Amino acid sequence: MAQHQIALFTFTLGNTESIGPAALRDMWMRACGTNNVSVGRRAPAESFRDRPVYTLYAPQGLADIRDVELRLRRMFESAHLHASLTALHA
């Protein structure tokens, strides 16, 4: 049975950038080292300058979250995506 998932990160992309759900989920799975992940996308909000907000979910007990964050940031950089990433974990 899959572990309960929690939101770990949110991010926005540059004004002209986007990423599809399958590509984002693949990137997130590779960063986490598990396929028990999901992704979400919220419509643009005024506070984010009309850019969608993406949310990344993973199991609550995910190990080495700091390392996961570093891998994710490197993947965004390698994909030439200018992500403004916010960690929701302590």
PDB file of N, CA and C in Angstrom:
ATOM      1  N   MET A   1       0.840  -1.188   0.000  1.00  0.00           N
ATOM      2  CA  MET A   1       0.000   0.000   0.000  1.00  0.00           C
ATOM      3  C   MET A   1       0.884   1.251   0.000  1.00  0.00           C
ATOM      4  N   ALA A   2       0.519   2.256  -0.758  1.00  0.00           N
ATOM      5  CA  ALA A   2       1.285   3.493  -0.855  1.00  0.00           C
ATOM      6  C   ALA A   2       1.195   4.272   0.452  1.00  0.00           C
ATOM      7  N   GLN A   3       2.311   4.908   0.801  1.00  0.00           N
ATOM      8  CA  GLN A   3       2.331   5.756   1.983  1.00  0.00           C
ATOM      9  C   GLN A   3       1.563   7.042   1.711  1.00  0.00           C
ATOM     10  N   HIS A   4       1.038   7.632   2.790  1.00  0.00           N
ATOM     11  CA  HIS A   4       0.347   8.909   2.687  1.00  0.00           C
ATOM     12  C   HIS A   4       1.312   9.966   2.143  1.00  0.00           C
ATOM     13  N   GLN A   5       0.854  10.763   1.193  1.00  0.00           N
ATOM     14  CA  GLN A   5       1.697  11.805   0.607  1.00  0.00           C
ATOM     15  C   GLN A   5       1.385  13.165   1.221  1.00  0.00           C
ATOM     16  N   ILE A   6       2.437  13.981   1.316  1.00  0.00           N
ATOM     17  CA  ILE A   6       2.289  15.351   1.794  1.00  0.00           C
ATOM     18  C   ILE A   6       2.965  16.283   0.794  1.00  0.00           C
ATOM     19  N   ALA A   7       2.558  17.543   0.800  1.00  0.00           N
ATOM     20  CA  ALA A   7       3.193  18.545  -0.055  1.00  0.00           C
ATOM     21  C   ALA A   7       4.561  18.881   0.519  1.00  0.00           C
ATOM     22  N   LEU A   8       5.611  18.783  -0.301  1.00  0.00           N
ATOM     23  CA  LEU A   8       6.958  19.089   0.157  1.00  0.00           C
ATOM     24  C   LEU A   8       7.516  20.365  -0.446  1.00  0.00           C
ATOM     25  N   PHE A   9       7.110  20.682  -1.670  1.00  0.00           N
ATOM     26  CA  PHE A   9       7.624  21.871  -2.350  1.00  0.00           C
ATOM     27  C   PHE A   9       6.530  22.507  -3.191  1.00  0.00           C
ATOM     28  N   THR A  10       6.623  23.808  -3.358  1.00  0.00           N
ATOM     29  CA  THR A  10       5.858  24.515  -4.372  1.00  0.00           C
ATOM     30  C   THR A  10       6.852  25.303  -5.210  1.00  0.00           C
ATOM     31  N   PHE A  11       6.465  25.619  -6.427  1.00  0.00           N
ATOM     32  CA  PHE A  11       7.339  26.440  -7.256  1.00  0.00           C
ATOM     33  C   PHE A  11       6.545  27.118  -8.356  1.00  0.00           C
ATOM     34  N   THR A  12       7.123  28.165  -8.877  1.00  0.00           N
ATOM     35  CA  THR A  12       6.630  28.822 -10.081  1.00  0.00           C
ATOM     36  C   THR A  12       7.772  28.828 -11.087  1.00  0.00           C
ATOM     37  N   LEU A  13       7.425  28.971 -12.333  1.00  0.00           N
ATOM     38  CA  LEU A  13       8.424  29.045 -13.399  1.00  0.00           C
ATOM     39  C   LEU A  13       8.452  30.450 -13.972  1.00  0.00           C
ATOM     40  N   GLY A  14       9.450  30.720 -14.794  1.00  0.00           N
ATOM     41  CA  GLY A  14       9.549  32.000 -15.469  1.00  0.00           C
ATOM     42  C   GLY A  14       8.317  32.284 -16.314  1.00  0.00           C
ATOM     43  N   ASN A  15       8.127  33.537 -16.657  1.00  0.00           N
ATOM     44  CA  ASN A  15       6.925  33.987 -17.373  1.00  0.00           C
ATOM     45  C   ASN A  15       6.602  33.201 -18.631  1.00  0.00           C
ATOM     46  N   THR A  16       7.604  32.779 -19.369  1.00  0.00           N
ATOM     47  CA  THR A  16       7.359  32.092 -20.643  1.00  0.00           C
ATOM     48  C   THR A  16       7.627  30.595 -20.559  1.00  0.00           C
ATOM     49  N   GLU A  17       7.830  30.070 -19.348  1.00  0.00           N
ATOM     50  CA  GLU A  17       8.172  28.660 -19.192  1.00  0.00           C
ATOM     51  C   GLU A  17       6.984  27.852 -18.693  1.00  0.00           C
ATOM     52  N   SER A  18       6.992  26.568 -19.037  1.00  0.00           N
ATOM     53  CA  SER A  18       5.986  25.645 -18.517  1.00  0.00           C
ATOM     54  C   SER A  18       6.571  24.242 -18.569  1.00  0.00           C
ATOM     55  N   ILE A  19       5.901  23.327 -17.874  1.00  0.00           N
ATOM     56  CA  ILE A  19       6.298  21.929 -17.892  1.00  0.00           C
ATOM     57  C   ILE A  19       5.027  21.095 -17.803  1.00  0.00           C
ATOM     58  N   GLY A  20       4.967  20.055 -18.580  1.00  0.00           N
ATOM     59  CA  GLY A  20       3.797  19.191 -18.578  1.00  0.00           C
ATOM     60  C   GLY A  20       3.777  18.287 -17.357  1.00  0.00           C
ATOM     61  N   PRO A  21       2.605  17.762 -17.016  1.00  0.00           N
ATOM     62  CA  PRO A  21       2.496  16.930 -15.816  1.00  0.00           C
ATOM     63  C   PRO A  21       3.331  15.654 -15.874  1.00  0.00           C
ATOM     64  N   ALA A  22       3.413  15.010 -17.017  1.00  0.00           N
ATOM     65  CA  ALA A  22       4.196  13.771 -17.122  1.00  0.00           C
ATOM     66  C   ALA A  22       5.693  14.056 -16.950  1.00  0.00           C
ATOM     67  N   ALA A  23       6.182  15.099 -17.601  1.00  0.00           N
ATOM     68  CA  ALA A  23       7.600  15.461 -17.481  1.00  0.00           C
ATOM     69  C   ALA A  23       7.939  15.881 -16.054  1.00  0.00           C
ATOM     70  N   LEU A  24       7.047  16.638 -15.427  1.00  0.00           N
ATOM     71  CA  LEU A  24       7.281  17.073 -14.056  1.00  0.00           C
ATOM     72  C   LEU A  24       7.277  15.877 -13.105  1.00  0.00           C
ATOM     73  N   ARG A  25       6.323  14.978 -13.268  1.00  0.00           N
ATOM     74  CA  ARG A  25       6.252  13.803 -12.396  1.00  0.00           C
ATOM     75  C   ARG A  25       7.506  12.949 -12.563  1.00  0.00           C
ATOM     76  N   ASP A  26       7.977  12.782 -13.792  1.00  0.00           N
ATOM     77  CA  ASP A  26       9.195  12.011 -14.037  1.00  0.00           C
ATOM     78  C   ASP A  26      10.390  12.659 -13.339  1.00  0.00           C
ATOM     79  N   MET A  27      10.516  13.955 -13.454  1.00  0.00           N
ATOM     80  CA  MET A  27      11.606  14.681 -12.809  1.00  0.00           C
ATOM     81  C   MET A  27      11.526  14.521 -11.284  1.00  0.00           C
ATOM     82  N   TRP A  28      10.338  14.644 -10.744  1.00  0.00           N
ATOM     83  CA  TRP A  28      10.116  14.546  -9.316  1.00  0.00           C
ATOM     84  C   TRP A  28      10.407  13.122  -8.818  1.00  0.00           C
ATOM     85  N   MET A  29      10.013  12.097  -9.574  1.00  0.00           N
ATOM     86  CA  MET A  29      10.318  10.713  -9.200  1.00  0.00           C
ATOM     87  C   MET A  29      11.823  10.490  -9.146  1.00  0.00           C
ATOM     88  N   ARG A  30      12.536  11.005 -10.139  1.00  0.00           N
ATOM     89  CA  ARG A  30      13.992  10.845 -10.160  1.00  0.00           C
ATOM     90  C   ARG A  30      14.648  11.578  -8.996  1.00  0.00           C
ATOM     91  N   ALA A  31      14.155  12.757  -8.658  1.00  0.00           N
ATOM     92  CA  ALA A  31      14.717  13.514  -7.537  1.00  0.00           C
ATOM     93  C   ALA A  31      14.480  12.790  -6.213  1.00  0.00           C
ATOM     94  N   CYS A  32      13.306  12.180  -6.063  1.00  0.00           N
ATOM     95  CA  CYS A  32      12.932  11.500  -4.817  1.00  0.00           C
ATOM     96  C   CYS A  32      13.463  10.081  -4.718  1.00  0.00           C
ATOM     97  N   GLY A  33      13.683   9.447  -5.865  1.00  0.00           N
ATOM     98  CA  GLY A  33      14.097   8.054  -5.863  1.00  0.00           C
ATOM     99  C   GLY A  33      12.962   7.091  -5.563  1.00  0.00           C
ATOM    100  N   THR A  34      11.730   7.517  -5.814  1.00  0.00           N
ATOM    101  CA  THR A  34      10.558   6.667  -5.611  1.00  0.00           C
ATOM    102  C   THR A  34       9.496   7.041  -6.640  1.00  0.00           C
ATOM    103  N   ASN A  35       8.622   6.090  -6.952  1.00  0.00           N
ATOM    104  CA  ASN A  35       7.518   6.403  -7.866  1.00  0.00           C
ATOM    105  C   ASN A  35       6.247   6.760  -7.100  1.00  0.00           C
ATOM    106  N   ASN A  36       6.310   6.773  -5.774  1.00  0.00           N
ATOM    107  CA  ASN A  36       5.159   7.145  -4.940  1.00  0.00           C
ATOM    108  C   ASN A  36       5.147   8.668  -4.760  1.00  0.00           C
ATOM    109  N   VAL A  37       4.925   9.374  -5.864  1.00  0.00           N
ATOM    110  CA  VAL A  37       4.884  10.839  -5.859  1.00  0.00           C
ATOM    111  C   VAL A  37       3.685  11.304  -6.681  1.00  0.00           C
ATOM    112  N   SER A  38       3.327  12.547  -6.496  1.00  0.00           N
ATOM    113  CA  SER A  38       2.322  13.159  -7.356  1.00  0.00           C
ATOM    114  C   SER A  38       2.638  14.643  -7.475  1.00  0.00           C
ATOM    115  N   VAL A  39       2.029  15.260  -8.469  1.00  0.00           N
ATOM    116  CA  VAL A  39       2.254  16.680  -8.733  1.00  0.00           C
ATOM    117  C   VAL A  39       0.908  17.372  -8.923  1.00  0.00           C
ATOM    118  N   GLY A  40       0.878  18.653  -8.669  1.00  0.00           N
ATOM    119  CA  GLY A  40      -0.342  19.424  -8.855  1.00  0.00           C
ATOM    120  C   GLY A  40      -0.017  20.771  -9.466  1.00  0.00           C
ATOM    121  N   ARG A  41      -1.030  21.378 -10.040  1.00  0.00           N
ATOM    122  CA  ARG A  41      -0.867  22.698 -10.665  1.00  0.00           C
ATOM    123  C   ARG A  41      -2.108  23.521 -10.352  1.00  0.00           C
ATOM    124  N   ARG A  42      -1.899  24.693  -9.768  1.00  0.00           N
ATOM    125  CA  ARG A  42      -2.989  25.632  -9.474  1.00  0.00           C
ATOM    126  C   ARG A  42      -2.969  26.753 -10.490  1.00  0.00           C
ATOM    127  N   ALA A  43      -4.136  27.213 -10.825  1.00  0.00           N
ATOM    128  CA  ALA A  43      -4.256  28.324 -11.768  1.00  0.00           C
ATOM    129  C   ALA A  43      -3.498  29.537 -11.239  1.00  0.00           C
ATOM    130  N   PRO A  44      -3.090  30.412 -12.141  1.00  0.00           N
ATOM    131  CA  PRO A  44      -2.359  31.608 -11.723  1.00  0.00           C
ATOM    132  C   PRO A  44      -3.130  32.415 -10.681  1.00  0.00           C
ATOM    133  N   ALA A  45      -2.374  32.964  -9.761  1.00  0.00           N
ATOM    134  CA  ALA A  45      -2.941  33.849  -8.742  1.00  0.00           C
ATOM    135  C   ALA A  45      -2.270  35.209  -8.866  1.00  0.00           C
ATOM    136  N   GLU A  46      -2.979  36.229  -8.524  1.00  0.00           N
ATOM    137  CA  GLU A  46      -2.461  37.589  -8.668  1.00  0.00           C
ATOM    138  C   GLU A  46      -1.125  37.758  -7.944  1.00  0.00           C
ATOM    139  N   SER A  47      -0.965  37.116  -6.800  1.00  0.00           N
ATOM    140  CA  SER A  47       0.257  37.288  -6.027  1.00  0.00           C
ATOM    141  C   SER A  47       1.479  36.654  -6.693  1.00  0.00           C
ATOM    142  N   PHE A  48       1.280  35.790  -7.671  1.00  0.00           N
ATOM    143  CA  PHE A  48       2.396  35.159  -8.364  1.00  0.00           C
ATOM    144  C   PHE A  48       2.539  35.676  -9.791  1.00  0.00           C
ATOM    145  N   ARG A  49       2.083  36.889 -10.021  1.00  0.00           N
ATOM    146  CA  ARG A  49       2.237  37.552 -11.325  1.00  0.00           C
ATOM    147  C   ARG A  49       1.694  36.698 -12.472  1.00  0.00           C
ATOM    148  N   ASP A  50       0.518  36.138 -12.264  1.00  0.00           N
ATOM    149  CA  ASP A  50      -0.179  35.373 -13.301  1.00  0.00           C
ATOM    150  C   ASP A  50       0.571  34.126 -13.756  1.00  0.00           C
ATOM    151  N   ARG A  51       1.335  33.519 -12.853  1.00  0.00           N
ATOM    152  CA  ARG A  51       2.023  32.264 -13.166  1.00  0.00           C
ATOM    153  C   ARG A  51       1.397  31.139 -12.345  1.00  0.00           C
ATOM    154  N   PRO A  52       1.249  29.962 -12.933  1.00  0.00           N
ATOM    155  CA  PRO A  52       0.708  28.842 -12.166  1.00  0.00           C
ATOM    156  C   PRO A  52       1.658  28.450 -11.028  1.00  0.00           C
ATOM    157  N   VAL A  53       1.088  27.869  -9.996  1.00  0.00           N
ATOM    158  CA  VAL A  53       1.868  27.359  -8.872  1.00  0.00           C
ATOM    159  C   VAL A  53       1.800  25.838  -8.930  1.00  0.00           C
ATOM    160  N   TYR A  54       2.956  25.213  -8.954  1.00  0.00           N
ATOM    161  CA  TYR A  54       3.067  23.766  -8.989  1.00  0.00           C
ATOM    162  C   TYR A  54       3.363  23.274  -7.574  1.00  0.00           C
ATOM    163  N   THR A  55       2.792  22.126  -7.203  1.00  0.00           N
ATOM    164  CA  THR A  55       3.041  21.530  -5.896  1.00  0.00           C
ATOM    165  C   THR A  55       3.525  20.099  -6.096  1.00  0.00           C
ATOM    166  N   LEU A  56       4.540  19.726  -5.325  1.00  0.00           N
ATOM    167  CA  LEU A  56       5.146  18.396  -5.419  1.00  0.00           C
ATOM    168  C   LEU A  56       4.872  17.630  -4.131  1.00  0.00           C
ATOM    169  N   TYR A  57       4.310  16.436  -4.266  1.00  0.00           N
ATOM    170  CA  TYR A  57       3.918  15.591  -3.137  1.00  0.00           C
ATOM    171  C   TYR A  57       4.751  14.318  -3.124  1.00  0.00           C
ATOM    172  N   ALA A  58       5.061  13.848  -1.917  1.00  0.00           N
ATOM    173  CA  ALA A  58       5.809  12.604  -1.745  1.00  0.00           C
ATOM    174  C   ALA A  58       5.425  11.991  -0.397  1.00  0.00           C
ATOM    175  N   PRO A  59       5.870  10.751  -0.144  1.00  0.00           N
ATOM    176  CA  PRO A  59       5.542  10.122   1.131  1.00  0.00           C
ATOM    177  C   PRO A  59       6.053  10.938   2.319  1.00  0.00           C
ATOM    178  N   GLN A  60       5.300  10.909   3.378  1.00  0.00           N
ATOM    179  CA  GLN A  60       5.644  11.672   4.578  1.00  0.00           C
ATOM    180  C   GLN A  60       7.012  11.269   5.134  1.00  0.00           C
ATOM    181  N   GLY A  61       7.377  10.022   5.037  1.00  0.00           N
ATOM    182  CA  GLY A  61       8.639   9.559   5.596  1.00  0.00           C
ATOM    183  C   GLY A  61       9.806   9.609   4.624  1.00  0.00           C
ATOM    184  N   LEU A  62       9.726  10.401   3.582  1.00  0.00           N
ATOM    185  CA  LEU A  62      10.790  10.475   2.579  1.00  0.00           C
ATOM    186  C   LEU A  62      12.110  10.877   3.241  1.00  0.00           C
ATOM    187  N   ALA A  63      13.148  10.088   3.004  1.00  0.00           N
ATOM    188  CA  ALA A  63      14.457  10.347   3.615  1.00  0.00           C
ATOM    189  C   ALA A  63      15.247  11.380   2.815  1.00  0.00           C
ATOM    190  N   ASP A  64      16.149  12.033   3.499  1.00  0.00           N
ATOM    191  CA  ASP A  64      17.114  12.953   2.881  1.00  0.00           C
ATOM    192  C   ASP A  64      16.451  14.039   2.033  1.00  0.00           C
ATOM    193  N   ILE A  65      15.497  14.725   2.620  1.00  0.00           N
ATOM    194  CA  ILE A  65      14.750  15.740   1.870  1.00  0.00           C
ATOM    195  C   ILE A  65      15.670  16.844   1.356  1.00  0.00           C
ATOM    196  N   ARG A  66      16.681  17.197   2.111  1.00  0.00           N
ATOM    197  CA  ARG A  66      17.628  18.229   1.646  1.00  0.00           C
ATOM    198  C   ARG A  66      18.342  17.776   0.368  1.00  0.00           C
ATOM    199  N   ASP A  67      18.729  16.494   0.323  1.00  0.00           N
ATOM    200  CA  ASP A  67      19.370  15.964  -0.886  1.00  0.00           C
ATOM    201  C   ASP A  67      18.383  15.926  -2.049  1.00  0.00           C
ATOM    202  N   VAL A  68      17.135  15.572  -1.762  1.00  0.00           N
ATOM    203  CA  VAL A  68      16.091  15.568  -2.794  1.00  0.00           C
ATOM    204  C   VAL A  68      15.954  16.979  -3.364  1.00  0.00           C
ATOM    205  N   GLU A  69      15.946  17.972  -2.497  1.00  0.00           N
ATOM    206  CA  GLU A  69      15.828  19.365  -2.940  1.00  0.00           C
ATOM    207  C   GLU A  69      16.999  19.758  -3.834  1.00  0.00           C
ATOM    208  N   LEU A  70      18.199  19.387  -3.452  1.00  0.00           N
ATOM    209  CA  LEU A  70      19.378  19.712  -4.267  1.00  0.00           C
ATOM    210  C   LEU A  70      19.301  19.045  -5.634  1.00  0.00           C
ATOM    211  N   ARG A  71      18.894  17.772  -5.667  1.00  0.00           N
ATOM    212  CA  ARG A  71      18.748  17.080  -6.963  1.00  0.00           C
ATOM    213  C   ARG A  71      17.694  17.766  -7.821  1.00  0.00           C
ATOM    214  N   LEU A  72      16.577  18.133  -7.209  1.00  0.00           N
ATOM    215  CA  LEU A  72      15.506  18.797  -7.946  1.00  0.00           C
ATOM    216  C   LEU A  72      15.985  20.125  -8.521  1.00  0.00           C
ATOM    217  N   ARG A  73      16.670  20.912  -7.723  1.00  0.00           N
ATOM    218  CA  ARG A  73      17.199  22.199  -8.212  1.00  0.00           C
ATOM    219  C   ARG A  73      18.159  21.991  -9.388  1.00  0.00           C
ATOM    220  N   ARG A  74      18.998  20.981  -9.295  1.00  0.00           N
ATOM    221  CA  ARG A  74      19.927  20.684 -10.402  1.00  0.00           C
ATOM    222  C   ARG A  74      19.172  20.260 -11.661  1.00  0.00           C
ATOM    223  N   MET A  75      18.106  19.487 -11.470  1.00  0.00           N
ATOM    224  CA  MET A  75      17.308  19.055 -12.618  1.00  0.00           C
ATOM    225  C   MET A  75      16.616  20.228 -13.295  1.00  0.00           C
ATOM    226  N   PHE A  76      16.087  21.160 -12.508  1.00  0.00           N
ATOM    227  CA  PHE A  76      15.495  22.365 -13.094  1.00  0.00           C
ATOM    228  C   PHE A  76      16.549  23.119 -13.897  1.00  0.00           C
ATOM    229  N   GLU A  77      17.728  23.255 -13.312  1.00  0.00           N
ATOM    230  CA  GLU A  77      18.812  23.965 -13.997  1.00  0.00           C
ATOM    231  C   GLU A  77      19.200  23.261 -15.296  1.00  0.00           C
ATOM    232  N   SER A  78      19.341  21.947 -15.258  1.00  0.00           N
ATOM    233  CA  SER A  78      19.698  21.171 -16.456  1.00  0.00           C
ATOM    234  C   SER A  78      18.634  21.278 -17.539  1.00  0.00           C
ATOM    235  N   ALA A  79      17.370  21.416 -17.126  1.00  0.00           N
ATOM    236  CA  ALA A  79      16.264  21.546 -18.079  1.00  0.00           C
ATOM    237  C   ALA A  79      16.062  22.994 -18.512  1.00  0.00           C
ATOM    238  N   HIS A  80      16.927  23.887 -18.047  1.00  0.00           N
ATOM    239  CA  HIS A  80      16.837  25.321 -18.371  1.00  0.00           C
ATOM    240  C   HIS A  80      15.509  25.918 -17.938  1.00  0.00           C
ATOM    241  N   LEU A  81      15.033  25.491 -16.769  1.00  0.00           N
ATOM    242  CA  LEU A  81      13.813  26.037 -16.177  1.00  0.00           C
ATOM    243  C   LEU A  81      14.199  26.913 -14.991  1.00  0.00           C
ATOM    244  N   HIS A  82      13.722  28.115 -14.997  1.00  0.00           N
ATOM    245  CA  HIS A  82      14.017  29.071 -13.922  1.00  0.00           C
ATOM    246  C   HIS A  82      12.921  28.976 -12.874  1.00  0.00           C
ATOM    247  N   ALA A  83      13.098  28.026 -11.950  1.00  0.00           N
ATOM    248  CA  ALA A  83      12.093  27.757 -10.943  1.00  0.00           C
ATOM    249  C   ALA A  83      12.362  28.544  -9.667  1.00  0.00           C
ATOM    250  N   SER A  84      11.289  29.102  -9.131  1.00  0.00           N
ATOM    251  CA  SER A  84      11.349  29.720  -7.813  1.00  0.00           C
ATOM    252  C   SER A  84      10.745  28.695  -6.849  1.00  0.00           C
ATOM    253  N   LEU A  85      11.629  27.886  -6.246  1.00  0.00           N
ATOM    254  CA  LEU A  85      11.250  26.731  -5.428  1.00  0.00           C
ATOM    255  C   LEU A  85      11.138  27.123  -3.970  1.00  0.00           C
ATOM    256  N   THR A  86      10.045  26.701  -3.336  1.00  0.00           N
ATOM    257  CA  THR A  86       9.829  26.929  -1.912  1.00  0.00           C
ATOM    258  C   THR A  86       9.668  25.590  -1.211  1.00  0.00           C
ATOM    259  N   ALA A  87      10.516  25.344  -0.215  1.00  0.00           N
ATOM    260  CA  ALA A  87      10.424  24.114   0.571  1.00  0.00           C
ATOM    261  C   ALA A  87       9.336  24.281   1.624  1.00  0.00           C
ATOM    262  N   LEU A  88       8.496  23.274   1.775  1.00  0.00           N
ATOM    263  CA  LEU A  88       7.424  23.316   2.757  1.00  0.00           C
ATOM    264  C   LEU A  88       7.781  22.482   3.991  1.00  0.00           C
ATOM    265  N   HIS A  89       8.956  21.875   3.976  1.00  0.00           N
ATOM    266  CA  HIS A  89       9.397  21.054   5.103  1.00  0.00           C
ATOM    267  C   HIS A  89      10.265  21.886   6.032  1.00  0.00           C
ATOM    268  N   ALA A  90      10.424  21.418   7.252  1.00  0.00           N
ATOM    269  CA  ALA A  90      11.255  22.144   8.240  1.00  0.00           C
ATOM    270  C   ALA A  90      12.698  21.754   8.139  1.00  0.00           C
TER     271      ALA A  90
END
